Amino acid sequence: MNALIFAAGLGTRLAHITKNKPKALVEVAGKPMLQHAIEKLAEVGVHKIVINVHHHSHVIKDFISSLRYTNVELLISDESDELLETGGGLLKAAPLFTPQKDIILYNADVLTGADLNKMVAYHHQMGGMASLMVKKRSSSRQLLFDKDKRLSGWENITSGEQRITRKQTSYNTYAFSGIHIIHPQLLKQLGTPRKFSIIEGYLDVSSQRAIYAWTDWDDYWFDIGTPEKLEVANEYLNKKQLD
């Protein structure tokens, strides 16, 4: 199985913390977030992990070159010249993946105790083009799913903006949680290489191709997008290590 860790973000919401350091190397419980992500993916049996880089790319490259994992190959997809967002980053990284193998996509700023082996099993069971880890939580941006957990649209609660791709009588709303699995065939369906969000790509294909929600998880989940969230994650993980 392949994986892509999105580590190219600017981390602007972390303010001074990412002035001289990429967000992916911000530490939680004494370990960089990127390392947390790599080890989480290795637990699922991923053998090839591609990491995209942009902000302070040389620092991430140096860190990756210092890592040694048995049966895990670490590769770089370099976006130093242009930040391509998640969809564009995926298509740029595509030639580096082992062909015909599923790809786990993982935001480097996500930290979770969820069992990803269960997510992989769900993805294979459903047989869709993608499975998205989602949760019922407060967020201005919500994905809309039908009763069978198939992606049917998106809405911004704050602005009222909405995009419906599959008309339903009612929708279940979930917030995206930064981890997803795609079938390799989806790469061709996302179109030509360009700068775009992968969520927009999912919505583009969702009227014809099945994109499913994975909701069957109940464990800790953090994103470290702000100093306040980083502090909460550190407190939780440090306490958990002492228990």
C-alpha atoms as a PDB file:
ATOM      1  CA  MET A   1       0.000   0.000   0.000  1.00  0.00           C
ATOM      2  CA  ASN A   2       1.116   3.572  -0.762  1.00  0.00           C
ATOM      3  CA  ALA A   3       0.748   6.713   1.319  1.00  0.00           C
ATOM      4  CA  LEU A   4       1.119  10.445   0.793  1.00  0.00           C
ATOM      5  CA  ILE A   5       1.744  12.725   3.752  1.00  0.00           C
ATOM      6  CA  PHE A   6       0.786  16.328   3.055  1.00  0.00           C
ATOM      7  CA  ALA A   7       3.661  18.228   4.680  1.00  0.00           C
ATOM      8  CA  ALA A   8       3.898  21.245   2.366  1.00  0.00           C
ATOM      9  CA  GLY A   9       1.637  23.621   4.300  1.00  0.00           C
ATOM     10  CA  LEU A  10       2.800  27.058   5.417  1.00  0.00           C
ATOM     11  CA  GLY A  11       1.507  26.708   8.974  1.00  0.00           C
ATOM     12  CA  THR A  12       0.653  30.420   9.142  1.00  0.00           C
ATOM     13  CA  ARG A  13      -1.891  29.944  11.953  1.00  0.00           C
ATOM     14  CA  LEU A  14       0.878  28.646  14.206  1.00  0.00           C
ATOM     15  CA  ALA A  15       2.462  32.113  14.077  1.00  0.00           C
ATOM     16  CA  HIS A  16       5.983  32.299  15.540  1.00  0.00           C
ATOM     17  CA  ILE A  17       6.191  28.506  15.983  1.00  0.00           C
ATOM     18  CA  THR A  18       6.623  27.958  12.245  1.00  0.00           C
ATOM     19  CA  LYS A  19       8.765  31.022  11.533  1.00  0.00           C
ATOM     20  CA  ASN A  20      11.913  28.906  11.213  1.00  0.00           C
ATOM     21  CA  LYS A  21      10.369  25.450  11.133  1.00  0.00           C
ATOM     22  CA  PRO A  22       7.838  23.668   8.892  1.00  0.00           C
ATOM     23  CA  LYS A  23       4.538  22.736  10.524  1.00  0.00           C
ATOM     24  CA  ALA A  24       5.230  19.048   9.892  1.00  0.00           C
ATOM     25  CA  LEU A  25       8.219  19.197  12.250  1.00  0.00           C
ATOM     26  CA  VAL A  26       6.399  20.856  15.137  1.00  0.00           C
ATOM     27  CA  GLU A  27       6.720  18.470  18.071  1.00  0.00           C
ATOM     28  CA  VAL A  28       3.904  16.903  20.049  1.00  0.00           C
ATOM     29  CA  ALA A  29       4.879  14.867  23.111  1.00  0.00           C
ATOM     30  CA  GLY A  30       8.531  15.128  22.111  1.00  0.00           C
ATOM     31  CA  LYS A  31       8.140  13.863  18.561  1.00  0.00           C
ATOM     32  CA  PRO A  32       7.651  15.760  15.259  1.00  0.00           C
ATOM     33  CA  MET A  33       4.191  15.467  13.765  1.00  0.00           C
ATOM     34  CA  LEU A  34       5.677  14.061  10.566  1.00  0.00           C
ATOM     35  CA  GLN A  35       7.246  11.219  12.528  1.00  0.00           C
ATOM     36  CA  HIS A  36       3.939  10.517  14.279  1.00  0.00           C
ATOM     37  CA  ALA A  37       2.319  10.228  10.831  1.00  0.00           C
ATOM     38  CA  ILE A  38       5.019   7.976   9.376  1.00  0.00           C
ATOM     39  CA  GLU A  39       4.849   5.595  12.320  1.00  0.00           C
ATOM     40  CA  LYS A  40       1.055   5.509  12.195  1.00  0.00           C
ATOM     41  CA  LEU A  41       1.190   4.549   8.504  1.00  0.00           C
ATOM     42  CA  ALA A  42       3.885   1.942   9.096  1.00  0.00           C
ATOM     43  CA  GLU A  43       1.556   0.270  11.624  1.00  0.00           C
ATOM     44  CA  VAL A  44      -0.965  -0.275   8.822  1.00  0.00           C
ATOM     45  CA  GLY A  45       1.642  -1.984   6.640  1.00  0.00           C
ATOM     46  CA  VAL A  46       2.350   0.881   4.244  1.00  0.00           C
ATOM     47  CA  HIS A  47       5.638   0.171   2.441  1.00  0.00           C
ATOM     48  CA  LYS A  48       5.998   3.345   0.371  1.00  0.00           C
ATOM     49  CA  ILE A  49       5.407   6.797   1.846  1.00  0.00           C
ATOM     50  CA  VAL A  50       5.691   9.937  -0.284  1.00  0.00           C
ATOM     51  CA  ILE A  51       6.021  13.259   1.564  1.00  0.00           C
ATOM     52  CA  ASN A  52       5.300  16.494  -0.270  1.00  0.00           C
ATOM     53  CA  VAL A  53       7.348  19.541   0.739  1.00  0.00           C
ATOM     54  CA  HIS A  54       7.292  23.296   0.144  1.00  0.00           C
ATOM     55  CA  HIS A  55       7.706  25.492   3.239  1.00  0.00           C
ATOM     56  CA  HIS A  56      11.239  25.062   4.674  1.00  0.00           C
ATOM     57  CA  SER A  57      11.559  22.076   2.333  1.00  0.00           C
ATOM     58  CA  HIS A  58      15.286  21.593   2.969  1.00  0.00           C
ATOM     59  CA  VAL A  59      14.635  21.156   6.695  1.00  0.00           C
ATOM     60  CA  ILE A  60      12.105  18.378   6.055  1.00  0.00           C
ATOM     61  CA  LYS A  61      14.424  16.719   3.543  1.00  0.00           C
ATOM     62  CA  ASP A  62      17.239  16.687   6.080  1.00  0.00           C
ATOM     63  CA  PHE A  63      14.947  15.241   8.736  1.00  0.00           C
ATOM     64  CA  ILE A  64      13.654  12.505   6.420  1.00  0.00           C
ATOM     65  CA  SER A  65      17.199  11.543   5.425  1.00  0.00           C
ATOM     66  CA  SER A  66      17.944  10.927   9.110  1.00  0.00           C
ATOM     67  CA  LEU A  67      15.116   8.403   9.529  1.00  0.00           C
ATOM     68  CA  ARG A  68      15.501   4.652   9.170  1.00  0.00           C
ATOM     69  CA  TYR A  69      12.519   2.310   9.014  1.00  0.00           C
ATOM     70  CA  THR A  70      12.502  -1.371   8.124  1.00  0.00           C
ATOM     71  CA  ASN A  71      10.329  -2.129   5.071  1.00  0.00           C
ATOM     72  CA  VAL A  72       9.257   1.519   4.641  1.00  0.00           C
ATOM     73  CA  GLU A  73      10.572   3.575   1.730  1.00  0.00           C
ATOM     74  CA  LEU A  74      10.403   7.363   2.175  1.00  0.00           C
ATOM     75  CA  LEU A  75      10.269   9.540  -0.952  1.00  0.00           C
ATOM     76  CA  ILE A  76      10.004  13.289  -1.541  1.00  0.00           C
ATOM     77  CA  SER A  77       7.593  15.086  -3.852  1.00  0.00           C
ATOM     78  CA  ASP A  78       9.112  18.559  -4.097  1.00  0.00           C
ATOM     79  CA  GLU A  79       6.731  21.525  -4.467  1.00  0.00           C
ATOM     80  CA  SER A  80       9.335  24.152  -3.600  1.00  0.00           C
ATOM     81  CA  ASP A  81       8.577  26.088  -6.799  1.00  0.00           C
ATOM     82  CA  GLU A  82       4.790  26.109  -6.367  1.00  0.00           C
ATOM     83  CA  LEU A  83       2.443  24.988  -3.622  1.00  0.00           C
ATOM     84  CA  LEU A  84      -0.177  22.859  -5.392  1.00  0.00           C
ATOM     85  CA  GLU A  85      -2.752  22.296  -2.601  1.00  0.00           C
ATOM     86  CA  THR A  86      -3.861  18.765  -1.754  1.00  0.00           C
ATOM     87  CA  GLY A  87      -5.322  17.715  -5.106  1.00  0.00           C
ATOM     88  CA  GLY A  88      -2.458  19.098  -7.142  1.00  0.00           C
ATOM     89  CA  GLY A  89       0.019  17.666  -4.664  1.00  0.00           C
ATOM     90  CA  LEU A  90      -1.503  14.213  -5.078  1.00  0.00           C
ATOM     91  CA  LEU A  91      -1.281  14.316  -8.873  1.00  0.00           C
ATOM     92  CA  LYS A  92       2.325  15.563  -8.771  1.00  0.00           C
ATOM     93  CA  ALA A  93       3.264  12.703  -6.435  1.00  0.00           C
ATOM     94  CA  ALA A  94       1.413  10.072  -8.522  1.00  0.00           C
ATOM     95  CA  PRO A  95       4.453   8.831 -10.528  1.00  0.00           C
ATOM     96  CA  LEU A  96       6.205   7.917  -7.262  1.00  0.00           C
ATOM     97  CA  PHE A  97       3.554   5.452  -6.089  1.00  0.00           C
ATOM     98  CA  THR A  98       3.634   1.705  -6.635  1.00  0.00           C
ATOM     99  CA  PRO A  99       1.108   1.214  -9.488  1.00  0.00           C
ATOM    100  CA  GLN A 100      -2.297  -0.368  -8.843  1.00  0.00           C
ATOM    101  CA  LYS A 101      -2.032  -0.026  -5.057  1.00  0.00           C
ATOM    102  CA  ASP A 102      -4.385   1.977  -2.831  1.00  0.00           C
ATOM    103  CA  ILE A 103      -3.069   5.256  -1.433  1.00  0.00           C
ATOM    104  CA  ILE A 104      -3.618   6.556   2.096  1.00  0.00           C
ATOM    105  CA  LEU A 105      -3.599  10.360   2.195  1.00  0.00           C
ATOM    106  CA  TYR A 106      -2.607  11.830   5.556  1.00  0.00           C
ATOM    107  CA  ASN A 107      -2.418  15.455   6.693  1.00  0.00           C
ATOM    108  CA  ALA A 108       0.835  15.939   8.617  1.00  0.00           C
ATOM    109  CA  ASP A 109      -0.910  18.132  11.199  1.00  0.00           C
ATOM    110  CA  VAL A 110      -3.337  15.375  12.248  1.00  0.00           C
ATOM    111  CA  LEU A 111      -2.773  13.255  15.333  1.00  0.00           C
ATOM    112  CA  THR A 112      -5.147  10.385  16.141  1.00  0.00           C
ATOM    113  CA  GLY A 113      -5.459   7.100  17.970  1.00  0.00           C
ATOM    114  CA  ALA A 114      -7.992   5.760  15.455  1.00  0.00           C
ATOM    115  CA  ASP A 115      -7.329   2.214  14.214  1.00  0.00           C
ATOM    116  CA  LEU A 116      -6.499   2.720  10.534  1.00  0.00           C
ATOM    117  CA  ASN A 117      -6.533  -1.031   9.911  1.00  0.00           C
ATOM    118  CA  LYS A 118     -10.299  -0.813  10.393  1.00  0.00           C
ATOM    119  CA  MET A 119     -10.448   2.065   7.935  1.00  0.00           C
ATOM    120  CA  VAL A 120      -8.524   0.058   5.334  1.00  0.00           C
ATOM    121  CA  ALA A 121     -10.889  -2.890   5.831  1.00  0.00           C
ATOM    122  CA  TYR A 122     -13.906  -0.565   5.445  1.00  0.00           C
ATOM    123  CA  HIS A 123     -12.474   0.904   2.244  1.00  0.00           C
ATOM    124  CA  HIS A 124     -12.057  -2.550   0.726  1.00  0.00           C
ATOM    125  CA  GLN A 125     -15.512  -3.623   1.893  1.00  0.00           C
ATOM    126  CA  MET A 126     -17.260  -0.620   0.337  1.00  0.00           C
ATOM    127  CA  GLY A 127     -15.313  -0.782  -2.925  1.00  0.00           C
ATOM    128  CA  GLY A 128     -15.596   2.948  -3.638  1.00  0.00           C
ATOM    129  CA  MET A 129     -13.151   5.325  -5.244  1.00  0.00           C
ATOM    130  CA  ALA A 130     -12.332   6.822  -1.844  1.00  0.00           C
ATOM    131  CA  SER A 131     -13.099   6.561   1.866  1.00  0.00           C
ATOM    132  CA  LEU A 132     -12.915   9.707   4.006  1.00  0.00           C
ATOM    133  CA  MET A 133     -12.356   9.734   7.759  1.00  0.00           C
ATOM    134  CA  VAL A 134     -15.036  12.087   9.088  1.00  0.00           C
ATOM    135  CA  LYS A 135     -16.533  13.026  12.434  1.00  0.00           C
ATOM    136  CA  LYS A 136     -19.532  14.795  13.907  1.00  0.00           C
ATOM    137  CA  ARG A 137     -17.822  17.937  15.184  1.00  0.00           C
ATOM    138  CA  SER A 138     -18.135  21.692  14.988  1.00  0.00           C
ATOM    139  CA  SER A 139     -16.709  23.100  11.769  1.00  0.00           C
ATOM    140  CA  SER A 140     -17.807  25.789   9.352  1.00  0.00           C
ATOM    141  CA  ARG A 141     -17.232  23.398   6.449  1.00  0.00           C
ATOM    142  CA  GLN A 142     -19.264  20.206   6.364  1.00  0.00           C
ATOM    143  CA  LEU A 143     -19.411  17.317   3.914  1.00  0.00           C
ATOM    144  CA  LEU A 144     -22.887  16.012   3.036  1.00  0.00           C
ATOM    145  CA  PHE A 145     -23.576  12.281   2.773  1.00  0.00           C
ATOM    146  CA  ASP A 146     -26.684  10.240   1.977  1.00  0.00           C
ATOM    147  CA  LYS A 147     -28.126   7.496   4.208  1.00  0.00           C
ATOM    148  CA  ASP A 148     -25.621   5.018   2.781  1.00  0.00           C
ATOM    149  CA  LYS A 149     -22.701   7.329   3.693  1.00  0.00           C
ATOM    150  CA  ARG A 150     -22.010   8.237   0.075  1.00  0.00           C
ATOM    151  CA  LEU A 151     -20.702  11.744  -0.592  1.00  0.00           C
ATOM    152  CA  SER A 152     -23.425  13.978  -1.997  1.00  0.00           C
ATOM    153  CA  GLY A 153     -22.270  17.549  -1.425  1.00  0.00           C
ATOM    154  CA  TRP A 154     -20.603  20.202   0.705  1.00  0.00           C
ATOM    155  CA  GLU A 155     -21.659  23.296   2.576  1.00  0.00           C
ATOM    156  CA  ASN A 156     -20.146  26.222   4.433  1.00  0.00           C
ATOM    157  CA  ILE A 157     -22.254  26.798   7.527  1.00  0.00           C
ATOM    158  CA  THR A 158     -20.945  30.342   7.998  1.00  0.00           C
ATOM    159  CA  SER A 159     -21.359  31.705   4.470  1.00  0.00           C
ATOM    160  CA  GLY A 160     -24.317  29.578   3.418  1.00  0.00           C
ATOM    161  CA  GLU A 161     -22.444  28.427   0.317  1.00  0.00           C
ATOM    162  CA  GLN A 162     -23.506  24.949  -0.781  1.00  0.00           C
ATOM    163  CA  ARG A 163     -22.643  22.506  -3.531  1.00  0.00           C
ATOM    164  CA  ILE A 164     -24.914  19.517  -4.115  1.00  0.00           C
ATOM    165  CA  THR A 165     -23.616  16.718  -6.365  1.00  0.00           C
ATOM    166  CA  ARG A 166     -26.276  14.083  -5.610  1.00  0.00           C
ATOM    167  CA  LYS A 167     -29.758  15.361  -4.789  1.00  0.00           C
ATOM    168  CA  GLN A 168     -31.173  13.753  -1.633  1.00  0.00           C
ATOM    169  CA  THR A 169     -34.214  14.399   0.562  1.00  0.00           C
ATOM    170  CA  SER A 170     -31.913  14.752   3.578  1.00  0.00           C
ATOM    171  CA  TYR A 171     -28.198  14.723   4.335  1.00  0.00           C
ATOM    172  CA  ASN A 172     -25.922  13.609   7.135  1.00  0.00           C
ATOM    173  CA  THR A 173     -23.235  16.207   7.842  1.00  0.00           C
ATOM    174  CA  TYR A 174     -19.692  15.396   8.916  1.00  0.00           C
ATOM    175  CA  ALA A 175     -16.444  17.327   9.228  1.00  0.00           C
ATOM    176  CA  PHE A 176     -13.471  15.983   7.306  1.00  0.00           C
ATOM    177  CA  SER A 177     -10.701  14.683   9.567  1.00  0.00           C
ATOM    178  CA  GLY A 178      -7.641  14.770   7.315  1.00  0.00           C
ATOM    179  CA  ILE A 179      -7.148  11.055   6.565  1.00  0.00           C
ATOM    180  CA  HIS A 180      -8.505   9.358   3.431  1.00  0.00           C
ATOM    181  CA  ILE A 181      -7.871   6.321   1.233  1.00  0.00           C
ATOM    182  CA  ILE A 182      -8.199   6.305  -2.537  1.00  0.00           C
ATOM    183  CA  HIS A 183      -8.336   3.652  -5.231  1.00  0.00           C
ATOM    184  CA  PRO A 184      -5.520   4.174  -7.777  1.00  0.00           C
ATOM    185  CA  GLN A 185      -8.091   4.562 -10.584  1.00  0.00           C
ATOM    186  CA  LEU A 186      -9.151   7.856  -9.025  1.00  0.00           C
ATOM    187  CA  LEU A 187      -5.891   9.475 -10.116  1.00  0.00           C
ATOM    188  CA  LYS A 188      -6.985   9.399 -13.767  1.00  0.00           C
ATOM    189  CA  GLN A 189     -10.453  10.684 -12.907  1.00  0.00           C
ATOM    190  CA  LEU A 190      -9.148  13.803 -11.157  1.00  0.00           C
ATOM    191  CA  GLY A 191      -8.095  15.359 -14.459  1.00  0.00           C
ATOM    192  CA  THR A 192      -4.940  17.118 -15.549  1.00  0.00           C
ATOM    193  CA  PRO A 193      -2.217  18.235 -13.090  1.00  0.00           C
ATOM    194  CA  ARG A 194      -3.101  21.644 -11.631  1.00  0.00           C
ATOM    195  CA  LYS A 195      -3.495  23.479  -8.348  1.00  0.00           C
ATOM    196  CA  PHE A 196      -6.704  22.375  -6.600  1.00  0.00           C
ATOM    197  CA  SER A 197      -8.159  20.990  -3.378  1.00  0.00           C
ATOM    198  CA  ILE A 198      -8.695  17.231  -3.188  1.00  0.00           C
ATOM    199  CA  ILE A 199     -12.117  17.866  -1.628  1.00  0.00           C
ATOM    200  CA  GLU A 200     -13.097  19.725  -4.804  1.00  0.00           C
ATOM    201  CA  GLY A 201     -11.822  16.723  -6.748  1.00  0.00           C
ATOM    202  CA  TYR A 202     -13.963  14.361  -4.712  1.00  0.00           C
ATOM    203  CA  LEU A 203     -17.020  16.535  -5.266  1.00  0.00           C
ATOM    204  CA  ASP A 204     -16.294  16.666  -9.003  1.00  0.00           C
ATOM    205  CA  VAL A 205     -16.404  12.882  -9.347  1.00  0.00           C
ATOM    206  CA  SER A 206     -18.967  12.098  -6.626  1.00  0.00           C
ATOM    207  CA  SER A 207     -22.008  12.253  -8.898  1.00  0.00           C
ATOM    208  CA  GLN A 208     -20.663   9.304 -10.904  1.00  0.00           C
ATOM    209  CA  ARG A 209     -18.230   7.597  -8.530  1.00  0.00           C
ATOM    210  CA  ALA A 210     -18.821   6.435  -4.964  1.00  0.00           C
ATOM    211  CA  ILE A 211     -16.952   8.319  -2.244  1.00  0.00           C
ATOM    212  CA  TYR A 212     -17.774   7.008   1.248  1.00  0.00           C
ATOM    213  CA  ALA A 213     -17.618   8.327   4.808  1.00  0.00           C
ATOM    214  CA  TRP A 214     -15.771   6.295   7.433  1.00  0.00           C
ATOM    215  CA  THR A 215     -17.420   7.127  10.751  1.00  0.00           C
ATOM    216  CA  ASP A 216     -16.771   3.935  12.739  1.00  0.00           C
ATOM    217  CA  TRP A 217     -13.987   5.257  14.949  1.00  0.00           C
ATOM    218  CA  ASP A 218     -13.913   6.639  18.455  1.00  0.00           C
ATOM    219  CA  ASP A 219     -10.516   7.695  19.734  1.00  0.00           C
ATOM    220  CA  TYR A 220      -8.545  10.876  20.220  1.00  0.00           C
ATOM    221  CA  TRP A 221      -8.127  13.215  17.263  1.00  0.00           C
ATOM    222  CA  PHE A 222      -6.303  16.531  17.063  1.00  0.00           C
ATOM    223  CA  ASP A 223      -5.143  18.914  14.409  1.00  0.00           C
ATOM    224  CA  ILE A 224      -2.347  21.258  15.439  1.00  0.00           C
ATOM    225  CA  GLY A 225      -3.398  24.174  13.271  1.00  0.00           C
ATOM    226  CA  THR A 226      -3.133  26.790  16.044  1.00  0.00           C
ATOM    227  CA  PRO A 227      -0.940  27.291  19.140  1.00  0.00           C
ATOM    228  CA  GLU A 228      -3.974  26.588  21.323  1.00  0.00           C
ATOM    229  CA  LYS A 229      -4.697  23.272  19.592  1.00  0.00           C
ATOM    230  CA  LEU A 230      -1.026  22.338  19.799  1.00  0.00           C
ATOM    231  CA  GLU A 231      -1.057  22.950  23.551  1.00  0.00           C
ATOM    232  CA  VAL A 232      -4.135  20.769  24.029  1.00  0.00           C
ATOM    233  CA  ALA A 233      -2.599  17.935  21.983  1.00  0.00           C
ATOM    234  CA  ASN A 234       0.650  18.127  23.949  1.00  0.00           C
ATOM    235  CA  GLU A 235      -1.147  18.001  27.274  1.00  0.00           C
ATOM    236  CA  TYR A 236      -3.249  15.016  26.191  1.00  0.00           C
ATOM    237  CA  LEU A 237      -0.381  12.958  24.740  1.00  0.00           C
ATOM    238  CA  ASN A 238       2.002  13.701  27.596  1.00  0.00           C
ATOM    239  CA  LYS A 239      -0.639  12.612  30.105  1.00  0.00           C
ATOM    240  CA  LYS A 240      -1.444   9.509  28.052  1.00  0.00           C
ATOM    241  CA  GLN A 241       2.231   8.475  28.070  1.00  0.00           C
ATOM    242  CA  LEU A 242       2.276   8.711  31.867  1.00  0.00           C
ATOM    243  CA  ASP A 243      -0.887   6.623  32.352  1.00  0.00           C
END
